[in-house]
Amino acid sequence: MGSACLTAGASPMPETMTDATLLTRALKGDRAAFTTLYDRHSGGVFGYALRIVRDPSAAEDVVQETFVGLLGGRKYDPSRPFLSWLLTIARNASIDLIRRRKVRKEVGAEDAILSRAAPAGPDADAREAVETALRQVPDEFREALWLCDAMGMSYQEASEVMGCETGTVGSRVARGRRMLREHFARAGHEV
């Protein structure tokens, strides 16, 4: 699959169209197909990248690199779930960006985004408590929790993104959840 130039004038994409079909159409220059893929997945890619690079601006760069990479000829295997493949591209782009820029992991940047996005009140307090607890969990466990619990991926799909065995993902999710429960128990919250 070579580089594609996007063209206007394509018919709108129905919500039922699969990601694989949208990708095929986008690679043939269908701008609406590309836009639908972007709209469908850019938020999840951003959230995942932010968990890795811990900088909103860098996460936005990762989103751009990921979606430009779709048109740049990255080969998709239709037997594999699209989201796993997409998040693998995002993970690799995040790691490459960290290596290139030597991005400092700044918790403050993530807090700023969450405080702007979260409403005030009990829900905001709960979200802040969860985010505080998550910062106490080592990266490999936090990544597994994010993919499986927040993104709704199966252990198999997460293992493809993370490049490890399915059992390893299950162990990391279990250990991450245990760490969260212990954190909340120490803080006097019911778990």
N, C-alpha and C. Protein backbone atom coordinates (compact mmCIF):
# COMPACT_ATOMS: atom_id res chain seq x y z
N MET A 1 0.84 -1.17 0.00
CA MET A 1 0.00 0.00 0.00
C MET A 1 0.88 1.23 0.00
N GLY A 2 0.73 2.04 -0.96
CA GLY A 2 1.56 3.22 -1.05
C GLY A 2 0.90 4.41 -0.42
N SER A 3 1.57 5.54 -0.54
CA SER A 3 1.04 6.78 -0.01
C SER A 3 -0.21 7.18 -0.78
N ALA A 4 -1.16 7.75 -0.10
CA ALA A 4 -2.42 8.11 -0.74
C ALA A 4 -2.64 9.61 -0.61
N CYS A 5 -3.30 10.17 -1.60
CA CYS A 5 -3.71 11.56 -1.58
C CYS A 5 -5.21 11.57 -1.35
N LEU A 6 -5.66 12.35 -0.38
CA LEU A 6 -7.08 12.35 -0.06
C LEU A 6 -7.85 13.25 -1.01
N THR A 7 -8.99 12.77 -1.44
CA THR A 7 -9.84 13.54 -2.35
C THR A 7 -11.16 13.87 -1.68
N ALA A 8 -11.73 14.98 -2.09
CA ALA A 8 -13.02 15.39 -1.55
C ALA A 8 -14.12 14.77 -2.39
N GLY A 9 -15.34 14.93 -1.94
CA GLY A 9 -16.48 14.52 -2.72
C GLY A 9 -16.94 13.10 -2.49
N ALA A 10 -16.35 12.40 -1.56
CA ALA A 10 -16.78 11.03 -1.29
C ALA A 10 -18.08 11.07 -0.50
N SER A 11 -18.84 10.01 -0.62
CA SER A 11 -20.11 9.95 0.10
C SER A 11 -19.86 9.79 1.60
N PRO A 12 -20.78 10.27 2.44
CA PRO A 12 -20.61 10.14 3.88
C PRO A 12 -20.53 8.67 4.29
N MET A 13 -19.79 8.41 5.36
CA MET A 13 -19.59 7.04 5.83
C MET A 13 -20.67 6.67 6.83
N PRO A 14 -21.32 5.54 6.64
CA PRO A 14 -22.27 5.09 7.65
C PRO A 14 -21.52 4.60 8.89
N GLU A 15 -22.14 4.73 10.04
CA GLU A 15 -21.53 4.31 11.29
C GLU A 15 -21.22 2.82 11.32
N THR A 16 -21.91 2.05 10.51
CA THR A 16 -21.73 0.60 10.54
C THR A 16 -20.54 0.14 9.71
N MET A 17 -19.91 1.03 8.96
CA MET A 17 -18.78 0.64 8.13
C MET A 17 -17.60 0.25 9.03
N THR A 18 -16.95 -0.86 8.71
CA THR A 18 -15.84 -1.34 9.55
C THR A 18 -14.61 -0.45 9.37
N ASP A 19 -13.75 -0.50 10.37
CA ASP A 19 -12.51 0.26 10.30
C ASP A 19 -11.65 -0.21 9.13
N ALA A 20 -11.61 -1.52 8.89
CA ALA A 20 -10.81 -2.05 7.78
C ALA A 20 -11.31 -1.51 6.45
N THR A 21 -12.63 -1.44 6.28
CA THR A 21 -13.20 -0.90 5.04
C THR A 21 -12.88 0.58 4.92
N LEU A 22 -13.00 1.31 6.02
CA LEU A 22 -12.67 2.74 6.00
C LEU A 22 -11.20 2.96 5.65
N LEU A 23 -10.32 2.13 6.20
CA LEU A 23 -8.90 2.25 5.89
C LEU A 23 -8.65 2.00 4.41
N THR A 24 -9.25 0.96 3.87
CA THR A 24 -9.08 0.66 2.45
C THR A 24 -9.53 1.85 1.60
N ARG A 25 -10.65 2.43 1.96
CA ARG A 25 -11.16 3.57 1.21
C ARG A 25 -10.27 4.80 1.39
N ALA A 26 -9.77 5.01 2.60
CA ALA A 26 -8.88 6.16 2.85
C ALA A 26 -7.60 6.03 2.04
N LEU A 27 -7.08 4.80 1.95
CA LEU A 27 -5.86 4.58 1.18
C LEU A 27 -6.07 4.83 -0.32
N LYS A 28 -7.31 4.77 -0.75
CA LYS A 28 -7.64 5.06 -2.15
C LYS A 28 -7.97 6.54 -2.34
N GLY A 29 -7.80 7.33 -1.27
CA GLY A 29 -7.99 8.76 -1.39
C GLY A 29 -9.32 9.29 -0.90
N ASP A 30 -10.12 8.48 -0.26
CA ASP A 30 -11.44 8.90 0.22
C ASP A 30 -11.28 9.70 1.53
N ARG A 31 -11.41 11.00 1.44
CA ARG A 31 -11.23 11.90 2.59
C ARG A 31 -12.26 11.63 3.68
N ALA A 32 -13.50 11.37 3.29
CA ALA A 32 -14.55 11.12 4.28
C ALA A 32 -14.25 9.85 5.09
N ALA A 33 -13.69 8.84 4.44
CA ALA A 33 -13.33 7.60 5.14
C ALA A 33 -12.23 7.89 6.16
N PHE A 34 -11.23 8.66 5.75
CA PHE A 34 -10.15 9.01 6.67
C PHE A 34 -10.68 9.82 7.85
N THR A 35 -11.54 10.80 7.56
CA THR A 35 -12.12 11.63 8.61
C THR A 35 -12.93 10.78 9.59
N THR A 36 -13.67 9.81 9.07
CA THR A 36 -14.45 8.94 9.95
C THR A 36 -13.53 8.13 10.86
N LEU A 37 -12.44 7.57 10.30
CA LEU A 37 -11.47 6.85 11.13
C LEU A 37 -10.88 7.77 12.20
N TYR A 38 -10.52 8.96 11.79
CA TYR A 38 -9.92 9.92 12.72
C TYR A 38 -10.91 10.27 13.83
N ASP A 39 -12.13 10.59 13.45
CA ASP A 39 -13.14 10.95 14.44
C ASP A 39 -13.43 9.79 15.39
N ARG A 40 -13.42 8.60 14.86
CA ARG A 40 -13.74 7.41 15.65
C ARG A 40 -12.65 7.08 16.66
N HIS A 41 -11.38 7.31 16.30
CA HIS A 41 -10.29 6.79 17.12
C HIS A 41 -9.30 7.80 17.67
N SER A 42 -9.34 9.05 17.24
CA SER A 42 -8.31 10.01 17.67
C SER A 42 -8.35 10.26 19.18
N GLY A 43 -9.53 10.30 19.78
CA GLY A 43 -9.62 10.51 21.22
C GLY A 43 -8.96 9.39 22.02
N GLY A 44 -9.21 8.16 21.60
CA GLY A 44 -8.60 7.02 22.28
C GLY A 44 -7.09 6.99 22.09
N VAL A 45 -6.64 7.32 20.88
CA VAL A 45 -5.20 7.37 20.61
C VAL A 45 -4.56 8.46 21.46
N PHE A 46 -5.23 9.63 21.56
CA PHE A 46 -4.69 10.72 22.37
C PHE A 46 -4.58 10.30 23.84
N GLY A 47 -5.64 9.70 24.39
CA GLY A 47 -5.62 9.28 25.78
C GLY A 47 -4.53 8.26 26.05
N TYR A 48 -4.38 7.32 25.13
CA TYR A 48 -3.34 6.29 25.28
C TYR A 48 -1.95 6.91 25.20
N ALA A 49 -1.74 7.78 24.21
CA ALA A 49 -0.44 8.44 24.06
C ALA A 49 -0.12 9.31 25.27
N LEU A 50 -1.12 10.00 25.80
CA LEU A 50 -0.90 10.86 26.96
C LEU A 50 -0.44 10.04 28.16
N ARG A 51 -0.96 8.84 28.29
CA ARG A 51 -0.54 7.96 29.39
C ARG A 51 0.94 7.58 29.23
N ILE A 52 1.44 7.55 28.02
CA ILE A 52 2.82 7.15 27.79
C ILE A 52 3.76 8.35 27.85
N VAL A 53 3.45 9.42 27.11
CA VAL A 53 4.38 10.55 27.00
C VAL A 53 4.18 11.59 28.09
N ARG A 54 2.99 11.59 28.72
CA ARG A 54 2.68 12.49 29.83
C ARG A 54 2.83 13.97 29.48
N ASP A 55 2.57 14.31 28.26
CA ASP A 55 2.63 15.70 27.82
C ASP A 55 1.58 15.89 26.73
N PRO A 56 0.60 16.76 26.95
CA PRO A 56 -0.50 16.90 25.98
C PRO A 56 -0.04 17.28 24.58
N SER A 57 0.92 18.17 24.49
CA SER A 57 1.42 18.57 23.17
C SER A 57 2.08 17.40 22.46
N ALA A 58 2.87 16.65 23.20
CA ALA A 58 3.53 15.47 22.63
C ALA A 58 2.49 14.42 22.24
N ALA A 59 1.45 14.26 23.05
CA ALA A 59 0.39 13.30 22.72
C ALA A 59 -0.32 13.70 21.44
N GLU A 60 -0.54 14.99 21.24
CA GLU A 60 -1.14 15.46 19.99
C GLU A 60 -0.24 15.13 18.80
N ASP A 61 1.08 15.29 18.99
CA ASP A 61 2.03 14.91 17.93
C ASP A 61 1.92 13.42 17.61
N VAL A 62 1.77 12.60 18.64
CA VAL A 62 1.63 11.16 18.44
C VAL A 62 0.37 10.85 17.64
N VAL A 63 -0.73 11.53 17.96
CA VAL A 63 -1.97 11.31 17.21
C VAL A 63 -1.74 11.63 15.74
N GLN A 64 -1.09 12.75 15.47
CA GLN A 64 -0.83 13.13 14.08
C GLN A 64 0.05 12.10 13.38
N GLU A 65 1.14 11.70 14.04
CA GLU A 65 2.03 10.70 13.45
C GLU A 65 1.31 9.38 13.20
N THR A 66 0.45 9.00 14.11
CA THR A 66 -0.28 7.75 13.98
C THR A 66 -1.19 7.78 12.76
N PHE A 67 -1.95 8.84 12.61
CA PHE A 67 -2.91 8.90 11.51
C PHE A 67 -2.23 9.19 10.17
N VAL A 68 -1.15 9.94 10.18
CA VAL A 68 -0.39 10.12 8.94
C VAL A 68 0.22 8.78 8.54
N GLY A 69 0.64 8.01 9.55
CA GLY A 69 1.20 6.68 9.29
C GLY A 69 0.22 5.75 8.60
N LEU A 70 -1.06 5.94 8.88
CA LEU A 70 -2.07 5.11 8.21
C LEU A 70 -2.01 5.29 6.70
N LEU A 71 -1.79 6.52 6.27
CA LEU A 71 -1.75 6.80 4.83
C LEU A 71 -0.37 6.57 4.24
N GLY A 72 0.62 6.41 5.10
CA GLY A 72 1.99 6.27 4.64
C GLY A 72 2.38 4.86 4.26
N GLY A 73 1.43 3.96 4.20
CA GLY A 73 1.74 2.63 3.71
C GLY A 73 1.98 1.59 4.78
N ARG A 74 1.66 1.88 6.04
CA ARG A 74 1.80 0.84 7.07
C ARG A 74 0.83 -0.28 6.73
N LYS A 75 1.34 -1.47 6.67
CA LYS A 75 0.53 -2.61 6.23
C LYS A 75 -0.37 -3.10 7.37
N TYR A 76 -1.64 -3.18 7.06
CA TYR A 76 -2.63 -3.67 8.02
C TYR A 76 -3.00 -5.10 7.68
N ASP A 77 -2.99 -5.96 8.69
CA ASP A 77 -3.39 -7.35 8.55
C ASP A 77 -4.85 -7.46 9.00
N PRO A 78 -5.79 -7.65 8.06
CA PRO A 78 -7.21 -7.67 8.43
C PRO A 78 -7.60 -8.79 9.39
N SER A 79 -6.74 -9.77 9.60
CA SER A 79 -7.07 -10.82 10.57
C SER A 79 -6.84 -10.33 12.01
N ARG A 80 -6.22 -9.19 12.14
CA ARG A 80 -5.91 -8.60 13.44
C ARG A 80 -6.91 -7.48 13.73
N PRO A 81 -7.32 -7.30 14.99
CA PRO A 81 -8.24 -6.20 15.30
C PRO A 81 -7.62 -4.84 14.94
N PHE A 82 -8.41 -4.00 14.29
CA PHE A 82 -7.92 -2.70 13.84
C PHE A 82 -7.40 -1.86 14.99
N LEU A 83 -8.15 -1.80 16.10
CA LEU A 83 -7.75 -0.94 17.21
C LEU A 83 -6.41 -1.39 17.81
N SER A 84 -6.18 -2.68 17.89
CA SER A 84 -4.89 -3.17 18.39
C SER A 84 -3.76 -2.69 17.49
N TRP A 85 -3.97 -2.80 16.18
CA TRP A 85 -2.96 -2.36 15.22
C TRP A 85 -2.73 -0.86 15.34
N LEU A 86 -3.81 -0.09 15.42
CA LEU A 86 -3.70 1.36 15.52
C LEU A 86 -2.96 1.78 16.79
N LEU A 87 -3.30 1.17 17.92
CA LEU A 87 -2.64 1.53 19.18
C LEU A 87 -1.19 1.05 19.22
N THR A 88 -0.86 0.01 18.46
CA THR A 88 0.54 -0.40 18.35
C THR A 88 1.33 0.69 17.63
N ILE A 89 0.74 1.25 16.58
CA ILE A 89 1.38 2.36 15.87
C ILE A 89 1.55 3.54 16.83
N ALA A 90 0.51 3.84 17.60
CA ALA A 90 0.57 4.95 18.55
C ALA A 90 1.62 4.70 19.64
N ARG A 91 1.69 3.48 20.11
CA ARG A 91 2.68 3.14 21.14
C ARG A 91 4.10 3.33 20.61
N ASN A 92 4.34 2.82 19.40
CA ASN A 92 5.66 2.97 18.80
C ASN A 92 5.99 4.43 18.54
N ALA A 93 5.00 5.20 18.07
CA ALA A 93 5.22 6.63 17.83
C ALA A 93 5.51 7.35 19.16
N SER A 94 4.84 6.94 20.23
CA SER A 94 5.09 7.54 21.54
C SER A 94 6.51 7.26 22.02
N ILE A 95 6.92 6.03 21.89
CA ILE A 95 8.27 5.65 22.31
C ILE A 95 9.31 6.37 21.46
N ASP A 96 9.08 6.44 20.15
CA ASP A 96 10.00 7.16 19.27
C ASP A 96 10.08 8.63 19.66
N LEU A 97 8.94 9.23 19.96
CA LEU A 97 8.92 10.64 20.34
C LEU A 97 9.69 10.86 21.64
N ILE A 98 9.51 9.98 22.60
CA ILE A 98 10.25 10.10 23.86
C ILE A 98 11.75 10.01 23.59
N ARG A 99 12.13 9.09 22.74
CA ARG A 99 13.55 8.95 22.42
C ARG A 99 14.08 10.20 21.72
N ARG A 100 13.30 10.71 20.76
CA ARG A 100 13.75 11.89 20.01
C ARG A 100 13.80 13.13 20.86
N ARG A 101 12.78 13.35 21.62
CA ARG A 101 12.67 14.60 22.38
C ARG A 101 13.11 14.48 23.82
N LYS A 102 13.32 13.27 24.26
CA LYS A 102 13.66 13.03 25.66
C LYS A 102 12.66 13.76 26.55
N VAL A 103 11.38 13.48 26.26
CA VAL A 103 10.29 14.13 26.97
C VAL A 103 10.36 13.78 28.46
N ARG A 104 10.29 14.81 29.28
CA ARG A 104 10.20 14.58 30.72
C ARG A 104 8.79 14.15 31.06
N LYS A 105 8.67 13.20 31.94
CA LYS A 105 7.35 12.76 32.38
C LYS A 105 6.86 13.73 33.43
N GLU A 106 5.95 14.60 33.02
CA GLU A 106 5.44 15.62 33.93
C GLU A 106 3.99 15.31 34.28
N VAL A 107 3.77 15.03 35.53
CA VAL A 107 2.43 14.74 35.99
C VAL A 107 1.56 15.99 35.92
N GLY A 108 2.14 17.15 36.13
CA GLY A 108 1.39 18.40 36.14
C GLY A 108 0.64 18.65 34.85
N ALA A 109 1.21 18.29 33.71
CA ALA A 109 0.55 18.50 32.43
C ALA A 109 -0.72 17.66 32.34
N GLU A 110 -0.64 16.42 32.80
CA GLU A 110 -1.82 15.55 32.78
C GLU A 110 -2.88 16.09 33.73
N ASP A 111 -2.47 16.57 34.89
CA ASP A 111 -3.41 17.15 35.84
C ASP A 111 -4.14 18.35 35.26
N ALA A 112 -3.40 19.18 34.53
CA ALA A 112 -4.02 20.38 33.94
C ALA A 112 -5.11 19.99 32.96
N ILE A 113 -4.86 18.99 32.14
CA ILE A 113 -5.86 18.54 31.17
C ILE A 113 -7.06 17.96 31.90
N LEU A 114 -6.81 17.12 32.89
CA LEU A 114 -7.91 16.48 33.61
C LEU A 114 -8.75 17.51 34.35
N SER A 115 -8.12 18.51 34.94
CA SER A 115 -8.89 19.51 35.68
C SER A 115 -9.75 20.35 34.75
N ARG A 116 -9.28 20.61 33.52
CA ARG A 116 -10.08 21.36 32.56
C ARG A 116 -11.22 20.50 32.03
N ALA A 117 -10.98 19.20 31.88
CA ALA A 117 -11.97 18.32 31.27
C ALA A 117 -13.01 17.83 32.28
N ALA A 118 -12.63 17.75 33.55
CA ALA A 118 -13.50 17.16 34.55
C ALA A 118 -14.44 18.21 35.14
N PRO A 119 -15.70 17.85 35.33
CA PRO A 119 -16.63 18.77 35.98
C PRO A 119 -16.33 18.87 37.46
N ALA A 120 -16.80 19.94 38.09
CA ALA A 120 -16.62 20.10 39.52
C ALA A 120 -17.65 19.23 40.24
N GLY A 121 -17.37 18.92 41.50
CA GLY A 121 -18.32 18.15 42.29
C GLY A 121 -17.81 16.77 42.61
N PRO A 122 -18.72 15.89 43.07
CA PRO A 122 -18.32 14.55 43.50
C PRO A 122 -17.65 13.74 42.38
N ASP A 123 -18.14 13.87 41.14
CA ASP A 123 -17.53 13.12 40.04
C ASP A 123 -16.09 13.58 39.81
N ALA A 124 -15.88 14.89 39.92
CA ALA A 124 -14.52 15.42 39.74
C ALA A 124 -13.61 14.92 40.86
N ASP A 125 -14.13 14.87 42.08
CA ASP A 125 -13.35 14.38 43.21
C ASP A 125 -12.99 12.91 43.01
N ALA A 126 -13.95 12.13 42.55
CA ALA A 126 -13.69 10.70 42.31
C ALA A 126 -12.66 10.53 41.20
N ARG A 127 -12.80 11.30 40.13
CA ARG A 127 -11.84 11.22 39.02
C ARG A 127 -10.44 11.59 39.49
N GLU A 128 -10.35 12.65 40.28
CA GLU A 128 -9.05 13.07 40.80
C GLU A 128 -8.44 11.99 41.69
N ALA A 129 -9.27 11.35 42.52
CA ALA A 129 -8.78 10.28 43.39
C ALA A 129 -8.25 9.10 42.58
N VAL A 130 -8.96 8.75 41.52
CA VAL A 130 -8.51 7.66 40.65
C VAL A 130 -7.21 8.03 39.96
N GLU A 131 -7.13 9.25 39.42
CA GLU A 131 -5.91 9.68 38.74
C GLU A 131 -4.72 9.72 39.69
N THR A 132 -4.95 10.17 40.91
CA THR A 132 -3.88 10.18 41.92
C THR A 132 -3.42 8.76 42.20
N ALA A 133 -4.36 7.85 42.34
CA ALA A 133 -4.01 6.45 42.59
C ALA A 133 -3.26 5.85 41.40
N LEU A 134 -3.71 6.17 40.20
CA LEU A 134 -3.05 5.62 39.00
C LEU A 134 -1.60 6.09 38.89
N ARG A 135 -1.31 7.30 39.34
CA ARG A 135 0.07 7.79 39.28
C ARG A 135 1.00 6.99 40.19
N GLN A 136 0.41 6.28 41.15
CA GLN A 136 1.21 5.46 42.06
C GLN A 136 1.52 4.08 41.48
N VAL A 137 0.85 3.74 40.39
CA VAL A 137 1.00 2.42 39.76
C VAL A 137 2.10 2.50 38.70
N PRO A 138 3.07 1.57 38.71
CA PRO A 138 4.13 1.58 37.71
C PRO A 138 3.58 1.54 36.27
N ASP A 139 4.35 2.11 35.35
CA ASP A 139 3.91 2.30 33.97
C ASP A 139 3.35 1.04 33.31
N GLU A 140 4.04 -0.10 33.45
CA GLU A 140 3.58 -1.30 32.73
C GLU A 140 2.22 -1.78 33.22
N PHE A 141 1.94 -1.57 34.51
CA PHE A 141 0.63 -1.95 35.04
C PHE A 141 -0.43 -0.92 34.64
N ARG A 142 -0.05 0.36 34.68
CA ARG A 142 -0.97 1.43 34.30
C ARG A 142 -1.36 1.29 32.83
N GLU A 143 -0.40 0.95 31.98
CA GLU A 143 -0.70 0.77 30.55
C GLU A 143 -1.69 -0.37 30.34
N ALA A 144 -1.48 -1.48 31.02
CA ALA A 144 -2.40 -2.62 30.91
C ALA A 144 -3.79 -2.25 31.41
N LEU A 145 -3.86 -1.54 32.54
CA LEU A 145 -5.16 -1.09 33.07
C LEU A 145 -5.85 -0.16 32.08
N TRP A 146 -5.10 0.76 31.50
CA TRP A 146 -5.69 1.72 30.56
C TRP A 146 -6.27 0.99 29.35
N LEU A 147 -5.49 0.09 28.78
CA LEU A 147 -5.95 -0.61 27.57
C LEU A 147 -7.16 -1.49 27.86
N CYS A 148 -7.11 -2.24 28.94
CA CYS A 148 -8.19 -3.20 29.22
C CYS A 148 -9.39 -2.57 29.90
N ASP A 149 -9.17 -1.73 30.89
CA ASP A 149 -10.30 -1.17 31.65
C ASP A 149 -10.85 0.09 31.01
N ALA A 150 -10.00 1.00 30.58
CA ALA A 150 -10.49 2.27 30.02
C ALA A 150 -10.85 2.14 28.54
N MET A 151 -10.03 1.41 27.77
CA MET A 151 -10.27 1.27 26.33
C MET A 151 -11.15 0.07 26.00
N GLY A 152 -11.35 -0.82 26.98
CA GLY A 152 -12.22 -1.97 26.78
C GLY A 152 -11.62 -3.07 25.92
N MET A 153 -10.30 -3.12 25.82
CA MET A 153 -9.66 -4.14 25.00
C MET A 153 -9.60 -5.47 25.76
N SER A 154 -9.59 -6.54 25.00
CA SER A 154 -9.37 -7.86 25.60
C SER A 154 -7.89 -7.99 25.94
N TYR A 155 -7.55 -8.98 26.76
CA TYR A 155 -6.14 -9.20 27.09
C TYR A 155 -5.36 -9.53 25.81
N GLN A 156 -5.96 -10.27 24.90
CA GLN A 156 -5.30 -10.61 23.65
C GLN A 156 -4.98 -9.34 22.84
N GLU A 157 -5.97 -8.47 22.71
CA GLU A 157 -5.76 -7.23 21.97
C GLU A 157 -4.69 -6.36 22.63
N ALA A 158 -4.75 -6.25 23.95
CA ALA A 158 -3.76 -5.46 24.68
C ALA A 158 -2.36 -6.07 24.54
N SER A 159 -2.28 -7.40 24.51
CA SER A 159 -0.97 -8.04 24.36
C SER A 159 -0.34 -7.71 23.01
N GLU A 160 -1.17 -7.59 21.99
CA GLU A 160 -0.66 -7.21 20.67
C GLU A 160 -0.13 -5.79 20.68
N VAL A 161 -0.81 -4.90 21.37
CA VAL A 161 -0.37 -3.51 21.45
C VAL A 161 0.91 -3.40 22.27
N MET A 162 0.95 -4.10 23.40
CA MET A 162 2.08 -3.99 24.32
C MET A 162 3.27 -4.85 23.92
N GLY A 163 3.05 -5.79 23.01
CA GLY A 163 4.15 -6.65 22.57
C GLY A 163 4.57 -7.66 23.62
N CYS A 164 3.60 -8.21 24.34
CA CYS A 164 3.91 -9.21 25.36
C CYS A 164 2.84 -10.30 25.31
N GLU A 165 3.01 -11.33 26.11
CA GLU A 165 2.08 -12.44 26.13
C GLU A 165 0.75 -12.04 26.78
N THR A 166 -0.31 -12.73 26.39
CA THR A 166 -1.63 -12.47 26.93
C THR A 166 -1.65 -12.66 28.45
N GLY A 167 -1.00 -13.69 28.93
CA GLY A 167 -0.94 -13.94 30.37
C GLY A 167 -0.24 -12.82 31.12
N THR A 168 0.76 -12.22 30.49
CA THR A 168 1.46 -11.09 31.10
C THR A 168 0.52 -9.91 31.28
N VAL A 169 -0.32 -9.66 30.27
CA VAL A 169 -1.30 -8.58 30.37
C VAL A 169 -2.25 -8.86 31.53
N GLY A 170 -2.76 -10.09 31.60
CA GLY A 170 -3.66 -10.45 32.69
C GLY A 170 -3.02 -10.25 34.05
N SER A 171 -1.77 -10.64 34.18
CA SER A 171 -1.06 -10.46 35.44
C SER A 171 -0.89 -8.98 35.78
N ARG A 172 -0.55 -8.20 34.75
CA ARG A 172 -0.35 -6.76 34.99
C ARG A 172 -1.66 -6.08 35.37
N VAL A 173 -2.75 -6.47 34.73
CA VAL A 173 -4.05 -5.89 35.09
C VAL A 173 -4.39 -6.28 36.52
N ALA A 174 -4.22 -7.53 36.87
CA ALA A 174 -4.54 -7.99 38.22
C ALA A 174 -3.68 -7.27 39.26
N ARG A 175 -2.39 -7.16 39.00
CA ARG A 175 -1.50 -6.48 39.95
C ARG A 175 -1.83 -4.99 40.03
N GLY A 176 -2.13 -4.38 38.88
CA GLY A 176 -2.49 -2.96 38.88
C GLY A 176 -3.76 -2.71 39.67
N ARG A 177 -4.76 -3.58 39.49
CA ARG A 177 -6.01 -3.43 40.25
C ARG A 177 -5.76 -3.61 41.74
N ARG A 178 -4.91 -4.58 42.09
CA ARG A 178 -4.58 -4.80 43.50
C ARG A 178 -3.90 -3.57 44.09
N MET A 179 -2.98 -2.97 43.32
CA MET A 179 -2.30 -1.76 43.79
C MET A 179 -3.30 -0.62 44.00
N LEU A 180 -4.26 -0.50 43.10
CA LEU A 180 -5.29 0.53 43.26
C LEU A 180 -6.14 0.28 44.50
N ARG A 181 -6.56 -0.98 44.70
CA ARG A 181 -7.35 -1.32 45.89
C ARG A 181 -6.57 -0.99 47.16
N GLU A 182 -5.28 -1.36 47.19
CA GLU A 182 -4.44 -1.09 48.37
C GLU A 182 -4.31 0.41 48.61
N HIS A 183 -4.14 1.17 47.53
CA HIS A 183 -4.04 2.63 47.65
C HIS A 183 -5.30 3.20 48.28
N PHE A 184 -6.47 2.79 47.76
CA PHE A 184 -7.73 3.31 48.28
C PHE A 184 -7.99 2.83 49.70
N ALA A 185 -7.59 1.61 50.02
CA ALA A 185 -7.77 1.11 51.39
C ALA A 185 -6.91 1.93 52.37
N ARG A 186 -5.67 2.23 51.97
CA ARG A 186 -4.81 3.05 52.83
C ARG A 186 -5.38 4.45 53.01
N ALA A 187 -6.07 4.95 51.99
CA ALA A 187 -6.65 6.30 52.05
C ALA A 187 -8.00 6.30 52.77
N GLY A 188 -8.46 5.11 53.21
CA GLY A 188 -9.71 5.02 53.96
C GLY A 188 -10.96 4.97 53.10
N HIS A 189 -10.81 4.63 51.82
CA HIS A 189 -11.96 4.51 50.94
C HIS A 189 -12.41 3.06 50.87
N GLU A 190 -13.71 2.86 50.69
CA GLU A 190 -14.22 1.51 50.51
C GLU A 190 -13.85 1.04 49.11
N VAL A 191 -13.46 -0.22 49.02
CA VAL A 191 -13.12 -0.80 47.71
C VAL A 191 -13.88 -2.07 47.46
